[in-house]
Amino acid sequence: MNQPLTKLSELKKGTRCKVHSFTNEFLKIKLLEMGCLPGETIEVIRLAPFGGPIAIDLSDYTLRLRKDEAATVLVELLEV
């Protein structure tokens, strides 16, 4: 069953999801080059306070995104 798409910036710590698409073409290229590919399973591992960066576990490394960058990544939530 397909879940509705959610912005990465709206997720809570510990949430696992699958990258679906991007809403900003410039950031899409940047994120693709860093390995954030559609279909990739990721997990939110840290949320900095006061709207700071979001850290995600991506394959074998941690990627940190500004909240506005994370808002351009559309993800599909994975069932627990």
PDB file of N, CA and C in Angstrom:
ATOM      1  N   MET A   1       0.835  -1.176   0.000  1.00  0.00           N
ATOM      2  CA  MET A   1       0.000   0.000   0.000  1.00  0.00           C
ATOM      3  C   MET A   1       0.884   1.245   0.000  1.00  0.00           C
ATOM      4  N   ASN A   2       0.601   2.175  -0.899  1.00  0.00           N
ATOM      5  CA  ASN A   2       1.393   3.392  -0.985  1.00  0.00           C
ATOM      6  C   ASN A   2       0.967   4.395   0.074  1.00  0.00           C
ATOM      7  N   GLN A   3       1.937   4.912   0.790  1.00  0.00           N
ATOM      8  CA  GLN A   3       1.699   5.933   1.800  1.00  0.00           C
ATOM      9  C   GLN A   3       1.691   7.297   1.105  1.00  0.00           C
ATOM     10  N   PRO A   4       0.981   8.285   1.670  1.00  0.00           N
ATOM     11  CA  PRO A   4       1.061   9.638   1.112  1.00  0.00           C
ATOM     12  C   PRO A   4       2.478  10.179   1.294  1.00  0.00           C
ATOM     13  N   LEU A   5       2.875  11.069   0.409  1.00  0.00           N
ATOM     14  CA  LEU A   5       4.222  11.638   0.487  1.00  0.00           C
ATOM     15  C   LEU A   5       4.274  12.717   1.564  1.00  0.00           C
ATOM     16  N   THR A   6       5.424  12.779   2.226  1.00  0.00           N
ATOM     17  CA  THR A   6       5.654  13.722   3.316  1.00  0.00           C
ATOM     18  C   THR A   6       6.993  14.403   3.083  1.00  0.00           C
ATOM     19  N   LYS A   7       7.116  15.649   3.523  1.00  0.00           N
ATOM     20  CA  LYS A   7       8.404  16.339   3.448  1.00  0.00           C
ATOM     21  C   LYS A   7       9.331  15.772   4.522  1.00  0.00           C
ATOM     22  N   LEU A   8      10.573  15.567   4.167  1.00  0.00           N
ATOM     23  CA  LEU A   8      11.562  15.063   5.122  1.00  0.00           C
ATOM     24  C   LEU A   8      11.651  15.974   6.348  1.00  0.00           C
ATOM     25  N   SER A   9      11.482  17.253   6.159  1.00  0.00           N
ATOM     26  CA  SER A   9      11.584  18.220   7.259  1.00  0.00           C
ATOM     27  C   SER A   9      10.490  18.052   8.311  1.00  0.00           C
ATOM     28  N   GLU A  10       9.418  17.333   8.002  1.00  0.00           N
ATOM     29  CA  GLU A  10       8.289  17.168   8.925  1.00  0.00           C
ATOM     30  C   GLU A  10       8.386  15.905   9.790  1.00  0.00           C
ATOM     31  N   LEU A  11       9.425  15.111   9.587  1.00  0.00           N
ATOM     32  CA  LEU A  11       9.529  13.834  10.292  1.00  0.00           C
ATOM     33  C   LEU A  11      10.157  13.986  11.673  1.00  0.00           C
ATOM     34  N   LYS A  12       9.866  13.021  12.526  1.00  0.00           N
ATOM     35  CA  LYS A  12      10.428  12.981  13.875  1.00  0.00           C
ATOM     36  C   LYS A  12      11.646  12.059  13.911  1.00  0.00           C
ATOM     37  N   LYS A  13      12.451  12.232  14.934  1.00  0.00           N
ATOM     38  CA  LYS A  13      13.624  11.384  15.141  1.00  0.00           C
ATOM     39  C   LYS A  13      13.194   9.919  15.206  1.00  0.00           C
ATOM     40  N   GLY A  14      13.950   9.062  14.523  1.00  0.00           N
ATOM     41  CA  GLY A  14      13.671   7.633  14.521  1.00  0.00           C
ATOM     42  C   GLY A  14      12.781   7.175  13.380  1.00  0.00           C
ATOM     43  N   THR A  15      12.240   8.118  12.610  1.00  0.00           N
ATOM     44  CA  THR A  15      11.357   7.762  11.500  1.00  0.00           C
ATOM     45  C   THR A  15      12.166   7.201  10.335  1.00  0.00           C
ATOM     46  N   ARG A  16      11.718   6.057   9.818  1.00  0.00           N
ATOM     47  CA  ARG A  16      12.338   5.459   8.627  1.00  0.00           C
ATOM     48  C   ARG A  16      11.434   5.733   7.438  1.00  0.00           C
ATOM     49  N   CYS A  17      12.047   6.027   6.301  1.00  0.00           N
ATOM     50  CA  CYS A  17      11.275   6.349   5.113  1.00  0.00           C
ATOM     51  C   CYS A  17      12.099   6.035   3.866  1.00  0.00           C
ATOM     52  N   LYS A  18      11.437   6.167   2.738  1.00  0.00           N
ATOM     53  CA  LYS A  18      12.080   5.927   1.455  1.00  0.00           C
ATOM     54  C   LYS A  18      12.009   7.221   0.649  1.00  0.00           C
ATOM     55  N   VAL A  19      13.138   7.640   0.082  1.00  0.00           N
ATOM     56  CA  VAL A  19      13.174   8.851  -0.735  1.00  0.00           C
ATOM     57  C   VAL A  19      12.318   8.622  -1.977  1.00  0.00           C
ATOM     58  N   HIS A  20      11.439   9.580  -2.257  1.00  0.00           N
ATOM     59  CA  HIS A  20      10.559   9.467  -3.426  1.00  0.00           C
ATOM     60  C   HIS A  20      10.970  10.443  -4.527  1.00  0.00           C
ATOM     61  N   SER A  21      11.020  11.739  -4.208  1.00  0.00           N
ATOM     62  CA  SER A  21      11.321  12.745  -5.226  1.00  0.00           C
ATOM     63  C   SER A  21      11.776  14.040  -4.559  1.00  0.00           C
ATOM     64  N   PHE A  22      12.068  15.031  -5.392  1.00  0.00           N
ATOM     65  CA  PHE A  22      12.573  16.320  -4.930  1.00  0.00           C
ATOM     66  C   PHE A  22      11.752  17.436  -5.566  1.00  0.00           C
ATOM     67  N   THR A  23      11.577  18.541  -4.853  1.00  0.00           N
ATOM     68  CA  THR A  23      10.791  19.655  -5.390  1.00  0.00           C
ATOM     69  C   THR A  23      11.657  20.793  -5.916  1.00  0.00           C
ATOM     70  N   ASN A  24      12.951  20.746  -5.683  1.00  0.00           N
ATOM     71  CA  ASN A  24      13.863  21.793  -6.125  1.00  0.00           C
ATOM     72  C   ASN A  24      14.937  21.153  -7.004  1.00  0.00           C
ATOM     73  N   GLU A  25      14.982  21.564  -8.261  1.00  0.00           N
ATOM     74  CA  GLU A  25      15.895  20.940  -9.225  1.00  0.00           C
ATOM     75  C   GLU A  25      17.368  21.138  -8.858  1.00  0.00           C
ATOM     76  N   PHE A  26      17.735  22.333  -8.377  1.00  0.00           N
ATOM     77  CA  PHE A  26      19.125  22.590  -8.003  1.00  0.00           C
ATOM     78  C   PHE A  26      19.543  21.695  -6.837  1.00  0.00           C
ATOM     79  N   LEU A  27      18.714  21.658  -5.792  1.00  0.00           N
ATOM     80  CA  LEU A  27      19.030  20.813  -4.634  1.00  0.00           C
ATOM     81  C   LEU A  27      18.959  19.337  -4.994  1.00  0.00           C
ATOM     82  N   LYS A  28      18.094  18.990  -5.923  1.00  0.00           N
ATOM     83  CA  LYS A  28      17.997  17.595  -6.375  1.00  0.00           C
ATOM     84  C   LYS A  28      19.351  17.111  -6.877  1.00  0.00           C
ATOM     85  N   ILE A  29      19.988  17.902  -7.710  1.00  0.00           N
ATOM     86  CA  ILE A  29      21.296  17.524  -8.260  1.00  0.00           C
ATOM     87  C   ILE A  29      22.314  17.366  -7.132  1.00  0.00           C
ATOM     88  N   LYS A  30      22.329  18.325  -6.212  1.00  0.00           N
ATOM     89  CA  LYS A  30      23.256  18.280  -5.070  1.00  0.00           C
ATOM     90  C   LYS A  30      23.027  17.018  -4.236  1.00  0.00           C
ATOM     91  N   LEU A  31      21.764  16.719  -3.937  1.00  0.00           N
ATOM     92  CA  LEU A  31      21.446  15.560  -3.106  1.00  0.00           C
ATOM     93  C   LEU A  31      21.732  14.244  -3.824  1.00  0.00           C
ATOM     94  N   LEU A  32      21.451  14.191  -5.118  1.00  0.00           N
ATOM     95  CA  LEU A  32      21.769  12.983  -5.887  1.00  0.00           C
ATOM     96  C   LEU A  32      23.271  12.715  -5.870  1.00  0.00           C
ATOM     97  N   GLU A  33      24.064  13.775  -6.013  1.00  0.00           N
ATOM     98  CA  GLU A  33      25.523  13.624  -5.987  1.00  0.00           C
ATOM     99  C   GLU A  33      26.020  13.124  -4.630  1.00  0.00           C
ATOM    100  N   MET A  34      25.261  13.411  -3.566  1.00  0.00           N
ATOM    101  CA  MET A  34      25.647  12.964  -2.219  1.00  0.00           C
ATOM    102  C   MET A  34      25.066  11.599  -1.881  1.00  0.00           C
ATOM    103  N   GLY A  35      24.378  10.970  -2.835  1.00  0.00           N
ATOM    104  CA  GLY A  35      23.870   9.618  -2.617  1.00  0.00           C
ATOM    105  C   GLY A  35      22.448   9.525  -2.117  1.00  0.00           C
ATOM    106  N   CYS A  36      21.752  10.641  -2.052  1.00  0.00           N
ATOM    107  CA  CYS A  36      20.348  10.644  -1.618  1.00  0.00           C
ATOM    108  C   CYS A  36      19.492  10.370  -2.859  1.00  0.00           C
ATOM    109  N   LEU A  37      19.306   9.094  -3.157  1.00  0.00           N
ATOM    110  CA  LEU A  37      18.667   8.676  -4.404  1.00  0.00           C
ATOM    111  C   LEU A  37      17.230   8.230  -4.175  1.00  0.00           C
ATOM    112  N   PRO A  38      16.349   8.449  -5.160  1.00  0.00           N
ATOM    113  CA  PRO A  38      14.989   7.914  -5.050  1.00  0.00           C
ATOM    114  C   PRO A  38      15.038   6.403  -4.821  1.00  0.00           C
ATOM    115  N   GLY A  39      14.214   5.937  -3.894  1.00  0.00           N
ATOM    116  CA  GLY A  39      14.189   4.519  -3.551  1.00  0.00           C
ATOM    117  C   GLY A  39      15.090   4.165  -2.386  1.00  0.00           C
ATOM    118  N   GLU A  40      15.977   5.066  -2.003  1.00  0.00           N
ATOM    119  CA  GLU A  40      16.910   4.838  -0.890  1.00  0.00           C
ATOM    120  C   GLU A  40      16.165   4.912   0.440  1.00  0.00           C
ATOM    121  N   THR A  41      16.404   3.944   1.313  1.00  0.00           N
ATOM    122  CA  THR A  41      15.808   3.964   2.650  1.00  0.00           C
ATOM    123  C   THR A  41      16.696   4.786   3.568  1.00  0.00           C
ATOM    124  N   ILE A  42      16.087   5.725   4.291  1.00  0.00           N
ATOM    125  CA  ILE A  42      16.824   6.601   5.196  1.00  0.00           C
ATOM    126  C   ILE A  42      16.124   6.623   6.554  1.00  0.00           C
ATOM    127  N   GLU A  43      16.850   7.083   7.572  1.00  0.00           N
ATOM    128  CA  GLU A  43      16.278   7.223   8.912  1.00  0.00           C
ATOM    129  C   GLU A  43      16.705   8.561   9.498  1.00  0.00           C
ATOM    130  N   VAL A  44      15.770   9.279  10.087  1.00  0.00           N
ATOM    131  CA  VAL A  44      16.080  10.533  10.777  1.00  0.00           C
ATOM    132  C   VAL A  44      16.730  10.163  12.103  1.00  0.00           C
ATOM    133  N   ILE A  45      17.977  10.594  12.304  1.00  0.00           N
ATOM    134  CA  ILE A  45      18.690  10.205  13.521  1.00  0.00           C
ATOM    135  C   ILE A  45      18.916  11.362  14.491  1.00  0.00           C
ATOM    136  N   ARG A  46      18.751  12.602  14.007  1.00  0.00           N
ATOM    137  CA  ARG A  46      18.935  13.738  14.918  1.00  0.00           C
ATOM    138  C   ARG A  46      18.219  14.952  14.365  1.00  0.00           C
ATOM    139  N   LEU A  47      17.560  15.674  15.264  1.00  0.00           N
ATOM    140  CA  LEU A  47      16.924  16.947  14.933  1.00  0.00           C
ATOM    141  C   LEU A  47      17.543  18.006  15.831  1.00  0.00           C
ATOM    142  N   ALA A  48      18.241  18.954  15.233  1.00  0.00           N
ATOM    143  CA  ALA A  48      18.848  20.014  16.035  1.00  0.00           C
ATOM    144  C   ALA A  48      17.755  20.955  16.537  1.00  0.00           C
ATOM    145  N   PRO A  49      17.942  21.532  17.717  1.00  0.00           N
ATOM    146  CA  PRO A  49      16.925  22.438  18.256  1.00  0.00           C
ATOM    147  C   PRO A  49      16.839  23.747  17.469  1.00  0.00           C
ATOM    148  N   PHE A  50      15.725  24.432  17.651  1.00  0.00           N
ATOM    149  CA  PHE A  50      15.504  25.756  17.068  1.00  0.00           C
ATOM    150  C   PHE A  50      15.573  25.755  15.541  1.00  0.00           C
ATOM    151  N   GLY A  51      15.078  24.698  14.919  1.00  0.00           N
ATOM    152  CA  GLY A  51      15.029  24.646  13.457  1.00  0.00           C
ATOM    153  C   GLY A  51      16.374  24.405  12.800  1.00  0.00           C
ATOM    154  N   GLY A  52      17.309  23.842  13.544  1.00  0.00           N
ATOM    155  CA  GLY A  52      18.637  23.558  13.006  1.00  0.00           C
ATOM    156  C   GLY A  52      18.620  22.367  12.066  1.00  0.00           C
ATOM    157  N   PRO A  53      19.792  21.885  11.682  1.00  0.00           N
ATOM    158  CA  PRO A  53      19.900  20.801  10.701  1.00  0.00           C
ATOM    159  C   PRO A  53      19.255  19.489  11.150  1.00  0.00           C
ATOM    160  N   ILE A  54      18.887  18.712  10.165  1.00  0.00           N
ATOM    161  CA  ILE A  54      18.335  17.374  10.352  1.00  0.00           C
ATOM    162  C   ILE A  54      19.411  16.392   9.910  1.00  0.00           C
ATOM    163  N   ALA A  55      19.723  15.415  10.743  1.00  0.00           N
ATOM    164  CA  ALA A  55      20.714  14.393  10.389  1.00  0.00           C
ATOM    165  C   ALA A  55      19.973  13.121  10.000  1.00  0.00           C
ATOM    166  N   ILE A  56      20.359  12.558   8.852  1.00  0.00           N
ATOM    167  CA  ILE A  56      19.755  11.307   8.401  1.00  0.00           C
ATOM    168  C   ILE A  56      20.836  10.259   8.177  1.00  0.00           C
ATOM    169  N   ASP A  57      20.474   9.026   8.465  1.00  0.00           N
ATOM    170  CA  ASP A  57      21.353   7.894   8.194  1.00  0.00           C
ATOM    171  C   ASP A  57      21.088   7.475   6.760  1.00  0.00           C
ATOM    172  N   LEU A  58      22.096   7.579   5.926  1.00  0.00           N
ATOM    173  CA  LEU A  58      21.974   7.321   4.499  1.00  0.00           C
ATOM    174  C   LEU A  58      23.036   6.307   4.106  1.00  0.00           C
ATOM    175  N   SER A  59      22.610   5.082   3.843  1.00  0.00           N
ATOM    176  CA  SER A  59      23.531   3.986   3.524  1.00  0.00           C
ATOM    177  C   SER A  59      24.565   3.837   4.625  1.00  0.00           C
ATOM    178  N   ASP A  60      25.801   4.229   4.337  1.00  0.00           N
ATOM    179  CA  ASP A  60      26.874   4.008   5.306  1.00  0.00           C
ATOM    180  C   ASP A  60      27.435   5.307   5.890  1.00  0.00           C
ATOM    181  N   TYR A  61      26.665   6.391   5.810  1.00  0.00           N
ATOM    182  CA  TYR A  61      27.140   7.640   6.406  1.00  0.00           C
ATOM    183  C   TYR A  61      25.969   8.506   6.863  1.00  0.00           C
ATOM    184  N   THR A  62      26.294   9.560   7.601  1.00  0.00           N
ATOM    185  CA  THR A  62      25.293  10.498   8.094  1.00  0.00           C
ATOM    186  C   THR A  62      25.335  11.755   7.241  1.00  0.00           C
ATOM    187  N   LEU A  63      24.168  12.176   6.792  1.00  0.00           N
ATOM    188  CA  LEU A  63      24.034  13.390   5.990  1.00  0.00           C
ATOM    189  C   LEU A  63      23.225  14.391   6.798  1.00  0.00           C
ATOM    190  N   ARG A  64      23.712  15.625   6.873  1.00  0.00           N
ATOM    191  CA  ARG A  64      22.990  16.683   7.583  1.00  0.00           C
ATOM    192  C   ARG A  64      22.465  17.683   6.565  1.00  0.00           C
ATOM    193  N   LEU A  65      21.181  18.007   6.709  1.00  0.00           N
ATOM    194  CA  LEU A  65      20.529  18.950   5.801  1.00  0.00           C
ATOM    195  C   LEU A  65      19.902  20.078   6.599  1.00  0.00           C
ATOM    196  N   ARG A  66      19.961  21.290   6.044  1.00  0.00           N
ATOM    197  CA  ARG A  66      19.219  22.389   6.648  1.00  0.00           C
ATOM    198  C   ARG A  66      17.734  22.069   6.539  1.00  0.00           C
ATOM    199  N   LYS A  67      16.956  22.645   7.410  1.00  0.00           N
ATOM    200  CA  LYS A  67      15.514  22.373   7.418  1.00  0.00           C
ATOM    201  C   LYS A  67      14.878  22.748   6.075  1.00  0.00           C
ATOM    202  N   ASP A  68      15.293  23.865   5.471  1.00  0.00           N
ATOM    203  CA  ASP A  68      14.723  24.265   4.183  1.00  0.00           C
ATOM    204  C   ASP A  68      15.136  23.311   3.067  1.00  0.00           C
ATOM    205  N   GLU A  69      16.324  22.729   3.159  1.00  0.00           N
ATOM    206  CA  GLU A  69      16.742  21.723   2.171  1.00  0.00           C
ATOM    207  C   GLU A  69      15.933  20.442   2.351  1.00  0.00           C
ATOM    208  N   ALA A  70      15.750  20.029   3.603  1.00  0.00           N
ATOM    209  CA  ALA A  70      14.987  18.811   3.883  1.00  0.00           C
ATOM    210  C   ALA A  70      13.537  18.949   3.425  1.00  0.00           C
ATOM    211  N   ALA A  71      13.022  20.169   3.398  1.00  0.00           N
ATOM    212  CA  ALA A  71      11.641  20.399   2.967  1.00  0.00           C
ATOM    213  C   ALA A  71      11.456  20.128   1.476  1.00  0.00           C
ATOM    214  N   THR A  72      12.543  20.050   0.723  1.00  0.00           N
ATOM    215  CA  THR A  72      12.444  19.783  -0.718  1.00  0.00           C
ATOM    216  C   THR A  72      12.500  18.294  -1.045  1.00  0.00           C
ATOM    217  N   VAL A  73      12.710  17.462  -0.024  1.00  0.00           N
ATOM    218  CA  VAL A  73      12.793  16.008  -0.223  1.00  0.00           C
ATOM    219  C   VAL A  73      11.450  15.384   0.167  1.00  0.00           C
ATOM    220  N   LEU A  74      10.783  14.763  -0.803  1.00  0.00           N
ATOM    221  CA  LEU A  74       9.520  14.081  -0.533  1.00  0.00           C
ATOM    222  C   LEU A  74       9.812  12.613  -0.285  1.00  0.00           C
ATOM    223  N   VAL A  75       9.255  12.090   0.796  1.00  0.00           N
ATOM    224  CA  VAL A  75       9.529  10.715   1.204  1.00  0.00           C
ATOM    225  C   VAL A  75       8.229   9.954   1.431  1.00  0.00           C
ATOM    226  N   GLU A  76       8.357   8.639   1.372  1.00  0.00           N
ATOM    227  CA  GLU A  76       7.245   7.745   1.680  1.00  0.00           C
ATOM    228  C   GLU A  76       7.581   7.048   2.992  1.00  0.00           C
ATOM    229  N   LEU A  77       6.713   7.185   3.984  1.00  0.00           N
ATOM    230  CA  LEU A  77       6.959   6.570   5.288  1.00  0.00           C
ATOM    231  C   LEU A  77       6.932   5.057   5.173  1.00  0.00           C
ATOM    232  N   LEU A  78       7.810   4.402   5.923  1.00  0.00           N
ATOM    233  CA  LEU A  78       7.834   2.944   5.972  1.00  0.00           C
ATOM    234  C   LEU A  78       7.085   2.495   7.209  1.00  0.00           C
ATOM    235  N   GLU A  79       6.328   1.439   7.072  1.00  0.00           N
ATOM    236  CA  GLU A  79       5.579   0.925   8.213  1.00  0.00           C
ATOM    237  C   GLU A  79       6.538   0.337   9.233  1.00  0.00           C
ATOM    238  N   VAL A  80       6.211   0.520  10.490  1.00  0.00           N
ATOM    239  CA  VAL A  80       7.071   0.057  11.586  1.00  0.00           C
ATOM    240  C   VAL A  80       6.941  -1.429  11.757  1.00  0.00           C
TER     241      VAL A  80
END
